[in-house]
Amino acid sequence: MTRMNHLEEVQSMISARGRAQRLLNTLTAGVAVAAVAGVGAFGYLSAATLPGATSLSTSTISTTSSSGTTSSSSSFGLSSSSGTVRSSSGSGVAVSGGS
């Protein structure tokens, strides 16, 4: 084997490795995009199949304490045919309207 043949063989292997690396990068990106789309589709399907759910409302309540600091609390309500279920962030959670 001459030196020139050996260099051509090495160049060929380097080129093949580069092509394989690009293919692997493309496949990895495709799988990542498909996974994100799958999670989104699963989330949509899950939300669409909530029994009796009709709407989701969000409100924020701000209060001022005697020391002058302002605190805020988020409340989420999910309306359904059997009543309204409410949950609030903070120290306690209240649930009402179930059957």
PDB file of N, CA and C in Angstrom:
ATOM      1  N   MET A   1       0.845  -1.166   0.000  1.00  0.00           N
ATOM      2  CA  MET A   1       0.000   0.000   0.000  1.00  0.00           C
ATOM      3  C   MET A   1       0.896   1.237   0.000  1.00  0.00           C
ATOM      4  N   THR A   2       0.615   2.104  -0.935  1.00  0.00           N
ATOM      5  CA  THR A   2       1.412   3.321  -1.017  1.00  0.00           C
ATOM      6  C   THR A   2       0.847   4.377  -0.087  1.00  0.00           C
ATOM      7  N   ARG A   3       1.654   5.364   0.147  1.00  0.00           N
ATOM      8  CA  ARG A   3       1.247   6.449   1.045  1.00  0.00           C
ATOM      9  C   ARG A   3       0.026   7.185   0.502  1.00  0.00           C
ATOM     10  N   MET A   4      -0.076   7.362  -0.795  1.00  0.00           N
ATOM     11  CA  MET A   4      -1.198   8.076  -1.404  1.00  0.00           C
ATOM     12  C   MET A   4      -2.488   7.289  -1.216  1.00  0.00           C
ATOM     13  N   ASN A   5      -2.464   5.985  -1.365  1.00  0.00           N
ATOM     14  CA  ASN A   5      -3.657   5.163  -1.157  1.00  0.00           C
ATOM     15  C   ASN A   5      -4.115   5.232   0.295  1.00  0.00           C
ATOM     16  N   HIS A   6      -3.135   5.230   1.192  1.00  0.00           N
ATOM     17  CA  HIS A   6      -3.469   5.303   2.616  1.00  0.00           C
ATOM     18  C   HIS A   6      -4.143   6.644   2.942  1.00  0.00           C
ATOM     19  N   LEU A   7      -3.646   7.739   2.398  1.00  0.00           N
ATOM     20  CA  LEU A   7      -4.243   9.059   2.644  1.00  0.00           C
ATOM     21  C   LEU A   7      -5.662   9.134   2.067  1.00  0.00           C
ATOM     22  N   GLU A   8      -5.871   8.548   0.889  1.00  0.00           N
ATOM     23  CA  GLU A   8      -7.208   8.533   0.292  1.00  0.00           C
ATOM     24  C   GLU A   8      -8.168   7.717   1.148  1.00  0.00           C
ATOM     25  N   GLU A   9      -7.682   6.596   1.686  1.00  0.00           N
ATOM     26  CA  GLU A   9      -8.513   5.763   2.551  1.00  0.00           C
ATOM     27  C   GLU A   9      -8.893   6.505   3.832  1.00  0.00           C
ATOM     28  N   VAL A  10      -7.948   7.227   4.414  1.00  0.00           N
ATOM     29  CA  VAL A  10      -8.219   8.006   5.630  1.00  0.00           C
ATOM     30  C   VAL A  10      -9.227   9.117   5.317  1.00  0.00           C
ATOM     31  N   GLN A  11      -9.035   9.803   4.188  1.00  0.00           N
ATOM     32  CA  GLN A  11      -9.974  10.863   3.793  1.00  0.00           C
ATOM     33  C   GLN A  11     -11.379  10.298   3.594  1.00  0.00           C
ATOM     34  N   SER A  12     -11.463   9.112   3.003  1.00  0.00           N
ATOM     35  CA  SER A  12     -12.749   8.467   2.783  1.00  0.00           C
ATOM     36  C   SER A  12     -13.435   8.144   4.114  1.00  0.00           C
ATOM     37  N   MET A  13     -12.666   7.655   5.089  1.00  0.00           N
ATOM     38  CA  MET A  13     -13.240   7.344   6.406  1.00  0.00           C
ATOM     39  C   MET A  13     -13.680   8.616   7.129  1.00  0.00           C
ATOM     40  N   ILE A  14     -12.893   9.667   7.014  1.00  0.00           N
ATOM     41  CA  ILE A  14     -13.256  10.945   7.639  1.00  0.00           C
ATOM     42  C   ILE A  14     -14.543  11.482   7.026  1.00  0.00           C
ATOM     43  N   SER A  15     -14.644  11.388   5.708  1.00  0.00           N
ATOM     44  CA  SER A  15     -15.839  11.848   5.013  1.00  0.00           C
ATOM     45  C   SER A  15     -17.073  11.039   5.427  1.00  0.00           C
ATOM     46  N   ALA A  16     -16.924   9.725   5.521  1.00  0.00           N
ATOM     47  CA  ALA A  16     -18.041   8.864   5.927  1.00  0.00           C
ATOM     48  C   ALA A  16     -18.469   9.169   7.355  1.00  0.00           C
ATOM     49  N   ARG A  17     -17.497   9.420   8.232  1.00  0.00           N
ATOM     50  CA  ARG A  17     -17.823   9.769   9.618  1.00  0.00           C
ATOM     51  C   ARG A  17     -18.593  11.083   9.676  1.00  0.00           C
ATOM     52  N   GLY A  18     -18.188  12.056   8.873  1.00  0.00           N
ATOM     53  CA  GLY A  18     -18.881  13.347   8.824  1.00  0.00           C
ATOM     54  C   GLY A  18     -20.321  13.199   8.351  1.00  0.00           C
ATOM     55  N   ARG A  19     -20.517  12.384   7.296  1.00  0.00           N
ATOM     56  CA  ARG A  19     -21.879  12.149   6.802  1.00  0.00           C
ATOM     57  C   ARG A  19     -22.738  11.461   7.860  1.00  0.00           C
ATOM     58  N   ALA A  20     -22.163  10.476   8.555  1.00  0.00           N
ATOM     59  CA  ALA A  20     -22.906   9.768   9.599  1.00  0.00           C
ATOM     60  C   ALA A  20     -23.267  10.717  10.746  1.00  0.00           C
ATOM     61  N   GLN A  21     -22.342  11.599  11.105  1.00  0.00           N
ATOM     62  CA  GLN A  21     -22.602  12.561  12.177  1.00  0.00           C
ATOM     63  C   GLN A  21     -23.730  13.521  11.789  1.00  0.00           C
ATOM     64  N   ARG A  22     -23.728  14.005  10.556  1.00  0.00           N
ATOM     65  CA  ARG A  22     -24.805  14.897  10.090  1.00  0.00           C
ATOM     66  C   ARG A  22     -26.150  14.182  10.086  1.00  0.00           C
ATOM     67  N   LEU A  23     -26.149  12.915   9.659  1.00  0.00           N
ATOM     68  CA  LEU A  23     -27.386  12.132   9.658  1.00  0.00           C
ATOM     69  C   LEU A  23     -27.906  11.947  11.088  1.00  0.00           C
ATOM     70  N   LEU A  24     -27.014  11.642  12.005  1.00  0.00           N
ATOM     71  CA  LEU A  24     -27.407  11.467  13.405  1.00  0.00           C
ATOM     72  C   LEU A  24     -27.952  12.771  13.992  1.00  0.00           C
ATOM     73  N   ASN A  25     -27.330  13.900  13.674  1.00  0.00           N
ATOM     74  CA  ASN A  25     -27.826  15.199  14.146  1.00  0.00           C
ATOM     75  C   ASN A  25     -29.220  15.488  13.605  1.00  0.00           C
ATOM     76  N   THR A  26     -29.433  15.196  12.330  1.00  0.00           N
ATOM     77  CA  THR A  26     -30.741  15.416  11.710  1.00  0.00           C
ATOM     78  C   THR A  26     -31.801  14.530  12.352  1.00  0.00           C
ATOM     79  N   LEU A  27     -31.475  13.268  12.571  1.00  0.00           N
ATOM     80  CA  LEU A  27     -32.427  12.355  13.207  1.00  0.00           C
ATOM     81  C   LEU A  27     -32.744  12.785  14.642  1.00  0.00           C
ATOM     82  N   THR A  28     -31.733  13.229  15.380  1.00  0.00           N
ATOM     83  CA  THR A  28     -31.946  13.678  16.751  1.00  0.00           C
ATOM     84  C   THR A  28     -32.875  14.885  16.784  1.00  0.00           C
ATOM     85  N   ALA A  29     -32.664  15.837  15.903  1.00  0.00           N
ATOM     86  CA  ALA A  29     -33.531  17.011  15.842  1.00  0.00           C
ATOM     87  C   ALA A  29     -34.957  16.610  15.466  1.00  0.00           C
ATOM     88  N   GLY A  30     -35.095  15.686  14.540  1.00  0.00           N
ATOM     89  CA  GLY A  30     -36.427  15.222  14.139  1.00  0.00           C
ATOM     90  C   GLY A  30     -37.157  14.533  15.273  1.00  0.00           C
ATOM     91  N   VAL A  31     -36.447  13.711  16.026  1.00  0.00           N
ATOM     92  CA  VAL A  31     -37.066  13.028  17.166  1.00  0.00           C
ATOM     93  C   VAL A  31     -37.471  14.040  18.232  1.00  0.00           C
ATOM     94  N   ALA A  32     -36.649  15.051  18.467  1.00  0.00           N
ATOM     95  CA  ALA A  32     -36.985  16.083  19.457  1.00  0.00           C
ATOM     96  C   ALA A  32     -38.240  16.846  19.054  1.00  0.00           C
ATOM     97  N   VAL A  33     -38.343  17.227  17.797  1.00  0.00           N
ATOM     98  CA  VAL A  33     -39.533  17.941  17.307  1.00  0.00           C
ATOM     99  C   VAL A  33     -40.768  17.045  17.406  1.00  0.00           C
ATOM    100  N   ALA A  34     -40.619  15.784  17.040  1.00  0.00           N
ATOM    101  CA  ALA A  34     -41.750  14.850  17.123  1.00  0.00           C
ATOM    102  C   ALA A  34     -42.185  14.647  18.569  1.00  0.00           C
ATOM    103  N   ALA A  35     -41.238  14.608  19.498  1.00  0.00           N
ATOM    104  CA  ALA A  35     -41.576  14.434  20.917  1.00  0.00           C
ATOM    105  C   ALA A  35     -42.348  15.641  21.438  1.00  0.00           C
ATOM    106  N   VAL A  36     -41.913  16.842  21.094  1.00  0.00           N
ATOM    107  CA  VAL A  36     -42.622  18.049  21.526  1.00  0.00           C
ATOM    108  C   VAL A  36     -44.025  18.077  20.931  1.00  0.00           C
ATOM    109  N   ALA A  37     -44.151  17.739  19.666  1.00  0.00           N
ATOM    110  CA  ALA A  37     -45.469  17.701  19.031  1.00  0.00           C
ATOM    111  C   ALA A  37     -46.357  16.643  19.683  1.00  0.00           C
ATOM    112  N   GLY A  38     -45.780  15.504  20.030  1.00  0.00           N
ATOM    113  CA  GLY A  38     -46.546  14.452  20.692  1.00  0.00           C
ATOM    114  C   GLY A  38     -47.038  14.871  22.060  1.00  0.00           C
ATOM    115  N   VAL A  39     -46.197  15.549  22.823  1.00  0.00           N
ATOM    116  CA  VAL A  39     -46.619  16.040  24.140  1.00  0.00           C
ATOM    117  C   VAL A  39     -47.733  17.065  23.989  1.00  0.00           C
ATOM    118  N   GLY A  40     -47.601  17.951  23.005  1.00  0.00           N
ATOM    119  CA  GLY A  40     -48.656  18.943  22.760  1.00  0.00           C
ATOM    120  C   GLY A  40     -49.964  18.282  22.356  1.00  0.00           C
ATOM    121  N   ALA A  41     -49.901  17.301  21.492  1.00  0.00           N
ATOM    122  CA  ALA A  41     -51.110  16.599  21.058  1.00  0.00           C
ATOM    123  C   ALA A  41     -51.741  15.840  22.219  1.00  0.00           C
ATOM    124  N   PHE A  42     -50.914  15.206  23.035  1.00  0.00           N
ATOM    125  CA  PHE A  42     -51.426  14.480  24.192  1.00  0.00           C
ATOM    126  C   PHE A  42     -52.082  15.445  25.188  1.00  0.00           C
ATOM    127  N   GLY A  43     -51.466  16.601  25.406  1.00  0.00           N
ATOM    128  CA  GLY A  43     -52.046  17.607  26.296  1.00  0.00           C
ATOM    129  C   GLY A  43     -53.367  18.121  25.774  1.00  0.00           C
ATOM    130  N   TYR A  44     -53.442  18.389  24.484  1.00  0.00           N
ATOM    131  CA  TYR A  44     -54.697  18.858  23.890  1.00  0.00           C
ATOM    132  C   TYR A  44     -55.778  17.792  24.014  1.00  0.00           C
ATOM    133  N   LEU A  45     -55.434  16.562  23.709  1.00  0.00           N
ATOM    134  CA  LEU A  45     -56.393  15.469  23.799  1.00  0.00           C
ATOM    135  C   LEU A  45     -56.871  15.280  25.234  1.00  0.00           C
ATOM    136  N   SER A  46     -55.959  15.369  26.188  1.00  0.00           N
ATOM    137  CA  SER A  46     -56.331  15.237  27.598  1.00  0.00           C
ATOM    138  C   SER A  46     -57.264  16.356  28.024  1.00  0.00           C
ATOM    139  N   ALA A  47     -56.971  17.584  27.617  1.00  0.00           N
ATOM    140  CA  ALA A  47     -57.819  18.724  27.978  1.00  0.00           C
ATOM    141  C   ALA A  47     -59.185  18.624  27.302  1.00  0.00           C
ATOM    142  N   ALA A  48     -59.207  18.135  26.084  1.00  0.00           N
ATOM    143  CA  ALA A  48     -60.462  18.049  25.345  1.00  0.00           C
ATOM    144  C   ALA A  48     -61.381  16.956  25.894  1.00  0.00           C
ATOM    145  N   THR A  49     -60.835  15.989  26.596  1.00  0.00           N
ATOM    146  CA  THR A  49     -61.651  14.883  27.077  1.00  0.00           C
ATOM    147  C   THR A  49     -62.004  14.982  28.556  1.00  0.00           C
ATOM    148  N   LEU A  50     -61.788  16.167  29.183  1.00  0.00           N
ATOM    149  CA  LEU A  50     -62.223  16.345  30.571  1.00  0.00           C
ATOM    150  C   LEU A  50     -63.745  16.266  30.604  1.00  0.00           C
ATOM    151  N   PRO A  51     -64.324  15.387  31.401  1.00  0.00           N
ATOM    152  CA  PRO A  51     -65.776  15.240  31.410  1.00  0.00           C
ATOM    153  C   PRO A  51     -66.466  16.485  31.976  1.00  0.00           C
ATOM    154  N   GLY A  52     -67.343  17.071  31.203  1.00  0.00           N
ATOM    155  CA  GLY A  52     -68.143  18.199  31.650  1.00  0.00           C
ATOM    156  C   GLY A  52     -67.417  19.521  31.694  1.00  0.00           C
ATOM    157  N   ALA A  53     -66.175  19.595  31.314  1.00  0.00           N
ATOM    158  CA  ALA A  53     -65.437  20.853  31.369  1.00  0.00           C
ATOM    159  C   ALA A  53     -65.894  21.765  30.244  1.00  0.00           C
ATOM    160  N   THR A  54     -66.168  23.012  30.578  1.00  0.00           N
ATOM    161  CA  THR A  54     -66.614  23.952  29.563  1.00  0.00           C
ATOM    162  C   THR A  54     -65.679  25.139  29.413  1.00  0.00           C
ATOM    163  N   SER A  55     -65.066  25.613  30.499  1.00  0.00           N
ATOM    164  CA  SER A  55     -64.178  26.763  30.376  1.00  0.00           C
ATOM    165  C   SER A  55     -63.204  26.813  31.538  1.00  0.00           C
ATOM    166  N   LEU A  56     -62.132  27.581  31.344  1.00  0.00           N
ATOM    167  CA  LEU A  56     -61.125  27.766  32.374  1.00  0.00           C
ATOM    168  C   LEU A  56     -60.943  29.260  32.572  1.00  0.00           C
ATOM    169  N   SER A  57     -61.087  29.733  33.820  1.00  0.00           N
ATOM    170  CA  SER A  57     -60.926  31.158  34.085  1.00  0.00           C
ATOM    171  C   SER A  57     -59.796  31.368  35.077  1.00  0.00           C
ATOM    172  N   THR A  58     -59.115  32.492  34.945  1.00  0.00           N
ATOM    173  CA  THR A  58     -57.994  32.824  35.809  1.00  0.00           C
ATOM    174  C   THR A  58     -58.174  34.235  36.336  1.00  0.00           C
ATOM    175  N   SER A  59     -57.903  34.431  37.620  1.00  0.00           N
ATOM    176  CA  SER A  59     -57.941  35.766  38.179  1.00  0.00           C
ATOM    177  C   SER A  59     -56.819  35.923  39.184  1.00  0.00           C
ATOM    178  N   THR A  60     -56.392  37.156  39.413  1.00  0.00           N
ATOM    179  CA  THR A  60     -55.336  37.443  40.379  1.00  0.00           C
ATOM    180  C   THR A  60     -55.874  38.432  41.400  1.00  0.00           C
ATOM    181  N   ILE A  61     -55.605  38.178  42.671  1.00  0.00           N
ATOM    182  CA  ILE A  61     -56.068  39.024  43.762  1.00  0.00           C
ATOM    183  C   ILE A  61     -54.839  39.603  44.438  1.00  0.00           C
ATOM    184  N   SER A  62     -54.791  40.920  44.625  1.00  0.00           N
ATOM    185  CA  SER A  62     -53.692  41.563  45.329  1.00  0.00           C
ATOM    186  C   SER A  62     -54.211  42.130  46.633  1.00  0.00           C
ATOM    187  N   THR A  63     -53.449  41.963  47.696  1.00  0.00           N
ATOM    188  CA  THR A  63     -53.817  42.506  49.003  1.00  0.00           C
ATOM    189  C   THR A  63     -52.632  43.244  49.583  1.00  0.00           C
ATOM    190  N   THR A  64     -52.912  44.224  50.433  1.00  0.00           N
ATOM    191  CA  THR A  64     -51.861  44.973  51.106  1.00  0.00           C
ATOM    192  C   THR A  64     -51.974  44.719  52.594  1.00  0.00           C
ATOM    193  N   SER A  65     -50.879  44.298  53.198  1.00  0.00           N
ATOM    194  CA  SER A  65     -50.892  44.018  54.628  1.00  0.00           C
ATOM    195  C   SER A  65     -50.662  45.299  55.410  1.00  0.00           C
ATOM    196  N   SER A  66     -50.780  45.204  56.738  1.00  0.00           N
ATOM    197  CA  SER A  66     -50.619  46.387  57.573  1.00  0.00           C
ATOM    198  C   SER A  66     -49.204  46.945  57.519  1.00  0.00           C
ATOM    199  N   SER A  67     -48.223  46.140  57.115  1.00  0.00           N
ATOM    200  CA  SER A  67     -46.849  46.629  57.022  1.00  0.00           C
ATOM    201  C   SER A  67     -46.587  47.346  55.699  1.00  0.00           C
ATOM    202  N   GLY A  68     -47.570  47.363  54.814  1.00  0.00           N
ATOM    203  CA  GLY A  68     -47.432  48.071  53.547  1.00  0.00           C
ATOM    204  C   GLY A  68     -46.896  47.218  52.419  1.00  0.00           C
ATOM    205  N   THR A  69     -46.646  45.946  52.647  1.00  0.00           N
ATOM    206  CA  THR A  69     -46.159  45.095  51.566  1.00  0.00           C
ATOM    207  C   THR A  69     -47.343  44.532  50.796  1.00  0.00           C
ATOM    208  N   THR A  70     -47.143  44.308  49.526  1.00  0.00           N
ATOM    209  CA  THR A  70     -48.205  43.788  48.674  1.00  0.00           C
ATOM    210  C   THR A  70     -47.934  42.330  48.354  1.00  0.00           C
ATOM    211  N   SER A  71     -48.937  41.518  48.522  1.00  0.00           N
ATOM    212  CA  SER A  71     -48.802  40.113  48.143  1.00  0.00           C
ATOM    213  C   SER A  71     -49.865  39.793  47.111  1.00  0.00           C
ATOM    214  N   SER A  72     -49.603  38.790  46.318  1.00  0.00           N
ATOM    215  CA  SER A  72     -50.561  38.448  45.284  1.00  0.00           C
ATOM    216  C   SER A  72     -50.801  36.956  45.304  1.00  0.00           C
ATOM    217  N   SER A  73     -52.009  36.565  44.931  1.00  0.00           N
ATOM    218  CA  SER A  73     -52.408  35.166  44.955  1.00  0.00           C
ATOM    219  C   SER A  73     -53.158  34.871  43.674  1.00  0.00           C
ATOM    220  N   SER A  74     -52.880  33.735  43.069  1.00  0.00           N
ATOM    221  CA  SER A  74     -53.578  33.350  41.845  1.00  0.00           C
ATOM    222  C   SER A  74     -54.656  32.344  42.173  1.00  0.00           C
ATOM    223  N   SER A  75     -55.763  32.464  41.477  1.00  0.00           N
ATOM    224  CA  SER A  75     -56.875  31.548  41.671  1.00  0.00           C
ATOM    225  C   SER A  75     -57.327  31.038  40.317  1.00  0.00           C
ATOM    226  N   PHE A  76     -57.547  29.757  40.202  1.00  0.00           N
ATOM    227  CA  PHE A  76     -57.984  29.155  38.946  1.00  0.00           C
ATOM    228  C   PHE A  76     -59.314  28.472  39.175  1.00  0.00           C
ATOM    229  N   GLY A  77     -60.268  28.719  38.313  1.00  0.00           N
ATOM    230  CA  GLY A  77     -61.565  28.077  38.426  1.00  0.00           C
ATOM    231  C   GLY A  77     -61.898  27.330  37.147  1.00  0.00           C
ATOM    232  N   LEU A  78     -62.392  26.130  37.272  1.00  0.00           N
ATOM    233  CA  LEU A  78     -62.776  25.324  36.127  1.00  0.00           C
ATOM    234  C   LEU A  78     -64.271  25.097  36.209  1.00  0.00           C
ATOM    235  N   SER A  79     -65.008  25.632  35.255  1.00  0.00           N
ATOM    236  CA  SER A  79     -66.455  25.486  35.261  1.00  0.00           C
ATOM    237  C   SER A  79     -66.834  24.153  34.645  1.00  0.00           C
ATOM    238  N   SER A  80     -67.792  23.487  35.245  1.00  0.00           N
ATOM    239  CA  SER A  80     -68.275  22.230  34.692  1.00  0.00           C
ATOM    240  C   SER A  80     -69.780  22.168  34.887  1.00  0.00           C
ATOM    241  N   SER A  81     -70.396  21.146  34.364  1.00  0.00           N
ATOM    242  CA  SER A  81     -71.839  21.022  34.453  1.00  0.00           C
ATOM    243  C   SER A  81     -72.305  20.757  35.884  1.00  0.00           C
ATOM    244  N   SER A  82     -71.413  20.278  36.751  1.00  0.00           N
ATOM    245  CA  SER A  82     -71.809  19.979  38.125  1.00  0.00           C
ATOM    246  C   SER A  82     -71.467  21.111  39.087  1.00  0.00           C
ATOM    247  N   GLY A  83     -70.963  22.233  38.627  1.00  0.00           N
ATOM    248  CA  GLY A  83     -70.612  23.350  39.501  1.00  0.00           C
ATOM    249  C   GLY A  83     -69.226  23.859  39.161  1.00  0.00           C
ATOM    250  N   THR A  84     -68.670  24.676  40.030  1.00  0.00           N
ATOM    251  CA  THR A  84     -67.356  25.249  39.805  1.00  0.00           C
ATOM    252  C   THR A  84     -66.374  24.698  40.813  1.00  0.00           C
ATOM    253  N   VAL A  85     -65.214  24.296  40.348  1.00  0.00           N
ATOM    254  CA  VAL A  85     -64.155  23.799  41.212  1.00  0.00           C
ATOM    255  C   VAL A  85     -63.091  24.875  41.261  1.00  0.00           C
ATOM    256  N   ARG A  86     -62.690  25.302  42.455  1.00  0.00           N
ATOM    257  CA  ARG A  86     -61.714  26.376  42.589  1.00  0.00           C
ATOM    258  C   ARG A  86     -60.508  25.899  43.382  1.00  0.00           C
ATOM    259  N   SER A  87     -59.348  26.396  43.000  1.00  0.00           N
ATOM    260  CA  SER A  87     -58.115  26.118  43.713  1.00  0.00           C
ATOM    261  C   SER A  87     -57.303  27.393  43.746  1.00  0.00           C
ATOM    262  N   SER A  88     -56.679  27.696  44.862  1.00  0.00           N
ATOM    263  CA  SER A  88     -55.876  28.902  44.941  1.00  0.00           C
ATOM    264  C   SER A  88     -54.494  28.567  45.451  1.00  0.00           C
ATOM    265  N   SER A  89     -53.488  29.303  44.957  1.00  0.00           N
ATOM    266  CA  SER A  89     -52.136  29.084  45.441  1.00  0.00           C
ATOM    267  C   SER A  89     -51.948  29.846  46.741  1.00  0.00           C
ATOM    268  N   GLY A  90     -51.090  29.377  47.567  1.00  0.00           N
ATOM    269  CA  GLY A  90     -50.869  30.012  48.862  1.00  0.00           C
ATOM    270  C   GLY A  90     -50.845  28.961  49.938  1.00  0.00           C
ATOM    271  N   SER A  91     -51.292  29.346  51.136  1.00  0.00           N
ATOM    272  CA  SER A  91     -51.172  28.419  52.254  1.00  0.00           C
ATOM    273  C   SER A  91     -52.282  27.367  52.279  1.00  0.00           C
ATOM    274  N   GLY A  92     -53.401  27.622  51.657  1.00  0.00           N
ATOM    275  CA  GLY A  92     -54.500  26.643  51.707  1.00  0.00           C
ATOM    276  C   GLY A  92     -55.161  26.476  50.367  1.00  0.00           C
ATOM    277  N   VAL A  93     -55.901  25.397  50.220  1.00  0.00           N
ATOM    278  CA  VAL A  93     -56.612  25.119  48.976  1.00  0.00           C
ATOM    279  C   VAL A  93     -58.073  24.856  49.340  1.00  0.00           C
ATOM    280  N   ALA A  94     -58.976  25.534  48.640  1.00  0.00           N
ATOM    281  CA  ALA A  94     -60.402  25.332  48.864  1.00  0.00           C
ATOM    282  C   ALA A  94     -61.037  24.726  47.626  1.00  0.00           C
ATOM    283  N   VAL A  95     -61.844  23.713  47.805  1.00  0.00           N
ATOM    284  CA  VAL A  95     -62.539  23.059  46.698  1.00  0.00           C
ATOM    285  C   VAL A  95     -64.010  23.071  47.008  1.00  0.00           C
ATOM    286  N   SER A  96     -64.822  23.520  46.044  1.00  0.00           N
ATOM    287  CA  SER A  96     -66.260  23.546  46.267  1.00  0.00           C
ATOM    288  C   SER A  96     -66.995  23.194  44.991  1.00  0.00           C
ATOM    289  N   GLY A  97     -68.243  22.797  45.142  1.00  0.00           N
ATOM    290  CA  GLY A  97     -69.091  22.594  43.976  1.00  0.00           C
ATOM    291  C   GLY A  97     -69.081  21.200  43.399  1.00  0.00           C
ATOM    292  N   GLY A  98     -68.409  20.256  43.988  1.00  0.00           N
ATOM    293  CA  GLY A  98     -68.394  18.894  43.467  1.00  0.00           C
ATOM    294  C   GLY A  98     -69.705  18.179  43.764  1.00  0.00           C
ATOM    295  N   SER A  99     -69.898  17.004  43.189  1.00  0.00           N
ATOM    296  CA  SER A  99     -71.129  16.279  43.447  1.00  0.00           C
ATOM    297  C   SER A  99     -70.856  14.999  44.213  1.00  0.00           C
TER     298      SER A  99
END
